[in-house]
Protein backbone atom coordinates (compact mmCIF):
# COMPACT_ATOMS: atom_id res chain seq x y z
CA UNK A 1 10.28 -15.29 -20.38
CA UNK A 2 12.25 -17.46 -17.72
CA UNK A 3 12.12 -15.79 -14.46
CA UNK A 4 15.16 -16.61 -12.07
CA UNK A 5 16.48 -15.43 -8.43
CA UNK A 6 19.17 -12.97 -8.37
CA UNK A 7 22.40 -12.57 -5.82
CA UNK A 8 20.08 -9.40 -4.83
CA UNK A 9 18.05 -11.15 -1.23
CA UNK A 10 15.36 -11.34 -3.27
CA UNK A 11 12.78 -10.27 -6.79
CA UNK A 12 9.47 -8.64 -7.01
CA UNK A 13 7.43 -8.26 -10.00
CA UNK A 14 4.63 -5.93 -10.09
CA UNK A 15 3.86 -2.84 -12.45
CA UNK A 16 4.98 -0.14 -12.29
CA UNK A 17 1.79 1.85 -10.62
CA UNK A 18 1.50 2.09 -6.59
CA UNK A 19 -1.79 -0.61 -6.36
CA UNK A 20 -0.56 -3.81 -4.75
CA UNK A 21 3.22 -2.71 -5.23
CA UNK A 22 3.62 -0.34 -2.59
CA UNK A 23 3.74 -2.20 0.26
CA UNK A 24 6.20 -4.23 -0.54
CA UNK A 25 8.12 -1.68 -2.20
CA UNK A 26 8.31 0.74 1.04
CA UNK A 27 8.69 -1.96 3.35
CA UNK A 28 12.09 -3.82 1.92
CA UNK A 29 13.54 0.02 1.43
CA UNK A 30 12.92 0.74 5.52
CA UNK A 31 14.49 -2.98 5.99
CA UNK A 32 17.76 -2.16 3.93
CA UNK A 33 16.77 -4.93 2.29
CA UNK A 34 18.72 -5.26 -1.61
CA UNK A 35 15.88 -6.81 -3.57
CA UNK A 36 15.47 -6.26 -7.43
CA UNK A 37 12.57 -4.64 -9.03
CA UNK A 38 10.73 -5.72 -11.36
CA UNK A 39 8.61 -3.25 -12.71
CA UNK A 40 6.89 -5.30 -15.37
CA UNK A 41 5.61 -3.07 -18.57
CA UNK A 42 2.26 -3.80 -19.37
CA UNK A 43 2.81 -4.47 -23.32
CA UNK A 44 5.22 -6.82 -22.46
CA UNK A 45 3.43 -8.62 -19.61
CA UNK A 46 0.99 -10.84 -21.49
CA UNK A 47 4.46 -12.42 -22.58
CA UNK A 48 5.21 -13.40 -19.32
CA UNK A 49 1.73 -13.91 -17.56
CA UNK A 50 2.47 -18.06 -17.62
CA UNK A 51 5.10 -18.15 -15.89
CA UNK A 52 3.30 -16.61 -12.78
CA UNK A 53 1.42 -18.25 -10.13
CA UNK A 54 -2.09 -17.73 -10.68
CA UNK A 55 -0.89 -16.29 -14.00
CA UNK A 56 -1.19 -12.34 -12.02
CA UNK A 57 1.06 -10.57 -10.05
CA UNK A 58 2.50 -8.91 -7.71
CA UNK A 59 5.36 -11.85 -6.40
CA UNK A 60 8.08 -11.73 -4.87
CA UNK A 61 10.46 -14.75 -5.21
CA UNK A 62 13.73 -15.29 -2.31
CA UNK A 63 15.57 -18.07 -1.78
CA UNK A 64 14.18 -19.74 1.46
CA UNK A 65 10.50 -19.25 -0.22
CA UNK A 66 10.73 -19.89 -3.61
CA UNK A 67 8.59 -18.46 -4.62
CA UNK A 68 5.16 -16.49 -3.05
CA UNK A 69 2.02 -14.84 -4.94
CA UNK A 70 -0.96 -12.90 -3.19
CA UNK A 71 0.11 -9.19 -1.61
CA UNK A 72 -0.86 -9.81 1.78
CA UNK A 73 0.48 -12.79 1.81
CA UNK A 74 3.99 -11.09 0.24
CA UNK A 75 2.86 -8.19 2.83
CA UNK A 76 3.24 -10.36 6.38
CA UNK A 77 6.21 -12.98 5.06
CA UNK A 78 8.68 -9.44 5.13
CA UNK A 79 6.64 -7.99 7.62
CA UNK A 80 8.15 -11.17 10.00
CA UNK A 81 11.02 -11.56 8.18
CA UNK A 82 11.92 -8.11 8.83
CA UNK A 83 11.00 -7.95 12.54
CA UNK A 84 7.70 -5.85 11.27
CA UNK A 85 4.83 -8.07 12.23
CA UNK A 86 4.87 -6.80 16.15
CA UNK A 87 7.75 -7.87 18.86
CA UNK A 88 4.07 -10.49 20.78
CA UNK A 89 0.93 -12.00 19.37
CA UNK A 90 -0.77 -9.56 20.37
CA UNK A 91 0.99 -6.88 18.52
CA UNK A 92 0.83 -9.19 15.63
CA UNK A 93 -3.43 -9.73 16.15
CA UNK A 94 -3.29 -5.42 16.06
CA UNK A 95 -1.39 -4.99 13.60
CA UNK A 96 -3.94 -7.89 11.67
CA UNK A 97 -6.75 -5.88 12.87
CA UNK A 98 -5.52 -2.70 10.95
CA UNK A 99 -3.97 -4.35 8.25
CA UNK A 100 -7.50 -5.69 7.05
CA UNK A 101 -9.40 -2.29 8.05
CA UNK A 102 -7.40 -1.12 5.78
CA UNK A 103 -8.31 -3.21 2.99
CA UNK A 104 -11.65 -2.91 3.99
CA UNK A 105 -10.96 1.18 3.03
CA UNK A 106 -9.18 -0.28 0.03
CA UNK A 107 -11.89 -2.58 -1.09
CA UNK A 108 -14.28 0.61 -1.34
CA UNK A 109 -11.88 2.98 -3.16
CA UNK A 110 -11.11 0.54 -5.96
CA UNK A 111 -14.75 -0.72 -6.41
CA UNK A 112 -15.55 3.38 -7.19
CA UNK A 113 -13.23 3.75 -8.87
CA UNK A 114 -14.10 0.53 -11.43
CA UNK A 115 -18.01 1.50 -11.14
CA UNK A 116 -18.39 2.34 -15.10
CA UNK A 117 -21.48 4.88 -15.85
CA UNK A 118 -21.70 4.34 -12.30
CA UNK A 119 -18.92 6.29 -11.16
CA UNK A 120 -20.83 9.62 -10.11
CA UNK A 121 -23.39 7.82 -7.84
CA UNK A 122 -20.44 5.80 -6.63
CA UNK A 123 -18.48 8.54 -5.67
CA UNK A 124 -21.10 10.35 -3.68
CA UNK A 125 -21.56 7.52 -1.66
CA UNK A 126 -18.03 7.23 -1.27
CA UNK A 127 -17.11 10.45 0.01
CA UNK A 128 -20.12 10.72 2.19
CA UNK A 129 -20.09 7.32 3.49
CA UNK A 130 -18.00 4.99 3.24
CA UNK A 131 -14.43 7.34 3.68
CA UNK A 132 -16.25 9.52 6.53
CA UNK A 133 -17.03 5.60 7.88
CA UNK A 134 -13.58 4.04 7.71
CA UNK A 135 -11.61 7.54 8.54
CA UNK A 136 -12.92 7.58 11.96
CA UNK A 137 -12.33 3.68 12.61
CA UNK A 138 -8.79 4.13 11.48
CA UNK A 139 -8.75 7.63 13.60
CA UNK A 140 -9.35 5.37 16.37
CA UNK A 141 -7.23 2.82 16.19
CA UNK A 142 -4.22 5.54 15.98
CA UNK A 143 -5.79 6.93 19.11
CA UNK A 144 -5.80 4.33 20.69
CA UNK A 145 -1.79 3.31 21.13
CA UNK A 146 -0.04 6.65 23.06
CA UNK A 147 -2.70 8.84 22.84
CA UNK A 148 -2.50 8.99 18.99
CA UNK A 149 0.97 10.40 19.26
CA UNK A 150 3.22 7.86 17.79
CA UNK A 151 2.96 4.89 15.93
CA UNK A 152 -0.39 1.86 15.46
CA UNK A 153 0.90 -0.68 17.66
CA UNK A 154 3.12 -0.47 19.63
CA UNK A 155 6.48 1.84 20.04
CA UNK A 156 7.99 1.02 16.90
CA UNK A 157 6.84 1.40 13.05
CA UNK A 158 5.29 -1.43 12.03
CA UNK A 159 3.19 -3.23 9.07
CA UNK A 160 0.30 -1.42 10.07
CA UNK A 161 1.68 2.26 9.68
CA UNK A 162 2.46 1.11 6.51
CA UNK A 163 -0.80 -0.37 5.06
CA UNK A 164 -2.17 2.65 6.80
CA UNK A 165 -0.19 6.00 4.82
CA UNK A 166 -0.64 3.59 1.28
CA UNK A 167 -4.21 3.28 1.53
CA UNK A 168 -4.55 6.94 3.44
CA UNK A 169 -2.10 8.30 0.95
CA UNK A 170 -2.77 6.31 -2.28
CA UNK A 171 -6.46 5.74 -2.13
CA UNK A 172 -7.75 8.80 -0.10
CA UNK A 173 -6.24 11.86 0.25
CA UNK A 174 -6.51 11.99 -4.20
CA UNK A 175 -10.28 12.39 -3.05
CA UNK A 176 -9.88 15.22 -1.09
CA UNK A 177 -7.21 15.95 1.48
CA UNK A 178 -10.28 17.21 3.31
CA UNK A 179 -11.74 13.29 4.12
CA UNK A 180 -7.99 12.98 6.56
CA UNK A 181 -8.72 13.73 10.21
CA UNK A 182 -6.03 15.85 12.23
CA UNK A 183 -5.10 13.34 13.99
CA UNK A 184 -4.50 10.80 10.89
CA UNK A 185 -2.72 13.59 8.88
CA UNK A 186 0.09 14.50 12.06
CA UNK A 187 0.44 9.96 11.35
CA UNK A 188 1.13 10.88 8.00
CA UNK A 189 3.62 13.74 8.13
CA UNK A 190 5.20 11.52 10.10
CA UNK A 191 5.47 8.72 8.48
CA UNK A 192 7.10 10.92 5.99
CA UNK A 193 10.05 12.04 7.35
CA UNK A 194 11.04 8.66 8.54
CA UNK A 195 14.67 8.72 6.15
CA UNK A 196 14.26 5.30 4.43
CA UNK A 197 10.01 6.52 3.61
CA UNK A 198 11.59 10.13 2.19
CA UNK A 199 13.99 8.80 0.21
CA UNK A 200 11.50 6.55 -1.13
CA UNK A 201 8.89 8.79 -1.40
CA UNK A 202 11.02 11.10 -3.31
CA UNK A 203 12.74 8.57 -5.84
CA UNK A 204 10.96 5.43 -6.12
CA UNK A 205 7.54 5.72 -5.94
CA UNK A 206 5.12 5.08 -8.38
CA UNK A 207 3.68 8.20 -10.48
CA UNK A 208 -0.55 6.87 -10.06
CA UNK A 209 -2.12 4.09 -7.58
CA UNK A 210 -4.11 2.61 -10.57
CA UNK A 211 -2.60 2.42 -14.78
CA UNK A 212 -4.36 4.52 -16.97
CA UNK A 213 -6.91 0.81 -18.26
CA UNK A 214 -10.15 1.08 -19.54
CA UNK A 215 -12.57 1.42 -17.78
CA UNK A 216 -10.30 3.53 -15.08
CA UNK A 217 -12.27 6.79 -13.51
CA UNK A 218 -10.32 7.54 -10.82
CA UNK A 219 -6.40 7.18 -8.78
CA UNK A 220 -4.86 7.05 -12.78
CA UNK A 221 -3.57 10.65 -13.91
CA UNK A 222 -0.63 12.22 -12.17
CA UNK A 223 -3.06 15.23 -11.97
CA UNK A 224 -5.52 12.75 -9.17
CA UNK A 225 -1.82 13.00 -7.12
CA UNK A 226 -1.03 17.07 -7.28
CA UNK A 227 0.12 18.25 -3.86
CA UNK A 228 -0.40 15.37 -1.96
CA UNK A 229 2.94 15.78 0.29
CA UNK A 230 1.49 19.39 0.98
CA UNK A 231 -0.22 19.09 4.08
């Protein structure tokens, strides 16, 4: 298998799931980037693996940086390149702060999804403790800017908003929409109404957050996401 840069503005390689691909794909659509989205199948992945940095995806390729691996690095590179990472050093630092808080909640959810025989015990702790704690943090961070009535940082959409939407919609809401604060529900609705976001969600979004691989306990079936945009 040979990886090559096309005539588009870049190439993104990842599986057809949300997980580590949602933020980059949506960011690129928001920025109107004409890129090639390579949705790698799990059947073809073993024969491709040795061609990628660290033997893993996601990977981004363009004519300026060449090959870039690691999802967080990809997100920050693309956000910087397309003016979605703050207008000054303070805004960029605030975006990073929110982004990393989102990662803490992502990690907590994913640990439970792959917790095997401890799933029910871990799920209980996630729903009763971890999610409420982090939803509280994210709600406070949202209300810090414009009293929670706009975006997370500054006066325009940024990487922080894309990250929080991903975490809350794709890794929290399936556990129970009642776990999401009213302020964050209003944010999710506001974010979905951005034309580029609305188009992506309707036409391009992968069906599940994780793949139906051995050992996975949740977020891998379409039914887990039923009615995800109802409120």
